[in-house]
Amino acid sequence: MQGARNQLLLGKSVVFDDNCLHLHQRDELRAVAEKSDAKSVLIYLDIPDKVLKERKEKNKITKERHDVPSAWLKEDEKVFERPTATERPIIYTPDTDLEGWFKKIDEIF
């Protein structure tokens, strides 16, 4: 978080790639952006469990990505606070029209 804050204070753009399971974590990030006079956007990747499991199984073979232990995923799922409309998330699902999705992001910036 401090690294993101420092970069924003230097006037640089930041992509904060974290799971931010709790609303208070996302609120803190928004506050950092606001204090730095930066715009912020929450991108929520809403991927169905079935798709996640398929990708995890495929990754066991291809090893394209770091393997996240299933126990961690189950624990995260228990505590995850889904973004609400008040957070104005830009939601991505496997069925999302990417052209329209990117336009939404461009409109913010």
Protein backbone atom coordinates (compact mmCIF):
# COMPACT_ATOMS: atom_id res chain seq x y z
CA MET A 1 0.00 0.00 0.00
CA GLN A 2 2.80 2.41 0.91
CA GLY A 3 4.48 1.81 -2.46
CA ALA A 4 1.26 2.71 -4.28
CA ARG A 5 0.90 5.83 -2.13
CA ASN A 6 4.47 6.91 -2.90
CA GLN A 7 4.02 6.45 -6.64
CA LEU A 8 0.75 8.39 -6.64
CA LEU A 9 2.36 11.23 -4.71
CA LEU A 10 5.04 11.32 -7.42
CA GLY A 11 2.26 11.79 -9.97
CA LYS A 12 2.58 8.32 -11.47
CA SER A 13 -0.20 5.95 -12.42
CA VAL A 14 -0.58 2.82 -10.32
CA VAL A 15 -2.18 -0.55 -10.90
CA PHE A 16 -2.70 -2.15 -7.51
CA ASP A 17 -3.10 -5.86 -8.18
CA ASP A 18 -4.34 -7.52 -5.02
CA ASN A 19 -7.36 -9.49 -3.97
CA CYS A 20 -8.62 -6.82 -1.50
CA LEU A 21 -11.08 -9.23 0.04
CA HIS A 22 -12.54 -6.71 2.48
CA LEU A 23 -14.40 -3.48 1.83
CA HIS A 24 -12.17 -1.61 4.30
CA GLN A 25 -9.10 -2.53 2.20
CA ARG A 26 -10.71 -1.11 -0.94
CA ASP A 27 -11.84 1.97 1.00
CA GLU A 28 -8.25 2.54 2.10
CA LEU A 29 -7.03 2.35 -1.49
CA ARG A 30 -9.68 4.83 -2.63
CA ALA A 31 -8.65 7.17 0.19
CA VAL A 32 -5.00 6.97 -0.91
CA ALA A 33 -6.01 7.85 -4.47
CA GLU A 34 -8.21 10.72 -3.29
CA LYS A 35 -5.44 12.19 -1.10
CA SER A 36 -3.17 12.08 -4.13
CA ASP A 37 -5.78 13.75 -6.39
CA ALA A 38 -5.84 10.58 -8.50
CA LYS A 39 -8.82 8.84 -10.02
CA SER A 40 -9.47 5.28 -8.96
CA VAL A 41 -11.40 2.42 -10.44
CA LEU A 42 -12.26 -0.96 -9.00
CA ILE A 43 -12.04 -3.75 -11.54
CA TYR A 44 -13.88 -6.80 -10.29
CA LEU A 45 -13.14 -10.10 -12.00
CA ASP A 46 -16.31 -12.11 -11.41
CA ILE A 47 -15.33 -15.60 -12.53
CA PRO A 48 -17.66 -18.55 -11.78
CA ASP A 49 -16.31 -21.36 -9.58
CA LYS A 50 -16.63 -23.82 -12.45
CA VAL A 51 -14.33 -21.72 -14.65
CA LEU A 52 -11.83 -21.24 -11.79
CA LYS A 53 -11.68 -25.00 -11.20
CA GLU A 54 -11.19 -25.68 -14.92
CA ARG A 55 -8.37 -23.14 -15.08
CA LYS A 56 -6.75 -24.54 -11.94
CA GLU A 57 -6.82 -28.07 -13.39
CA LYS A 58 -5.38 -26.86 -16.70
CA ASN A 59 -2.63 -25.00 -14.83
CA LYS A 60 -1.58 -28.21 -13.08
CA ILE A 61 -0.56 -29.45 -16.52
CA THR A 62 0.68 -26.27 -18.21
CA LYS A 63 2.14 -24.57 -15.12
CA GLU A 64 1.56 -21.20 -16.86
CA ARG A 65 0.72 -19.54 -13.55
CA HIS A 66 1.73 -19.80 -9.93
CA ASP A 67 -0.44 -22.41 -8.20
CA VAL A 68 -2.57 -21.01 -5.41
CA PRO A 69 -3.41 -23.73 -2.88
CA SER A 70 -7.08 -24.70 -2.91
CA ALA A 71 -7.28 -24.20 0.85
CA TRP A 72 -6.31 -20.54 0.39
CA LEU A 73 -9.01 -20.07 -2.22
CA LYS A 74 -11.64 -21.64 0.05
CA GLU A 75 -10.62 -19.42 2.97
CA ASP A 76 -10.65 -16.31 0.78
CA GLU A 77 -14.11 -17.21 -0.50
CA LYS A 78 -15.43 -17.36 3.07
CA VAL A 79 -14.34 -13.82 3.95
CA PHE A 80 -14.67 -12.09 0.57
CA GLU A 81 -16.94 -9.07 0.60
CA ARG A 82 -18.26 -8.65 -2.94
CA PRO A 83 -18.14 -5.11 -4.27
CA THR A 84 -21.39 -3.22 -3.96
CA ALA A 85 -22.94 -0.71 -6.34
CA THR A 86 -21.67 2.11 -4.11
CA GLU A 87 -18.10 1.10 -5.01
CA ARG A 88 -18.99 1.47 -8.71
CA PRO A 89 -16.98 -1.56 -9.82
CA ILE A 90 -16.30 -2.27 -13.45
CA ILE A 91 -17.17 -5.95 -13.62
CA TYR A 92 -15.54 -8.47 -15.90
CA THR A 93 -17.09 -11.90 -16.49
CA PRO A 94 -16.06 -14.53 -19.04
CA ASP A 95 -18.99 -13.34 -21.19
CA THR A 96 -18.02 -9.66 -21.10
CA ASP A 97 -17.79 -7.73 -24.36
CA LEU A 98 -14.22 -6.49 -24.04
CA GLU A 99 -14.63 -3.52 -26.36
CA GLY A 100 -17.49 -2.13 -24.29
CA TRP A 101 -15.71 -3.00 -21.07
CA PHE A 102 -12.59 -1.06 -22.05
CA LYS A 103 -14.76 1.90 -23.09
CA LYS A 104 -16.16 2.03 -19.54
CA ILE A 105 -12.64 2.26 -18.17
CA ASP A 106 -11.66 4.92 -20.71
CA GLU A 107 -14.69 7.03 -19.73
CA ILE A 108 -13.40 7.21 -16.16
CA PHE A 109 -9.99 8.49 -17.21
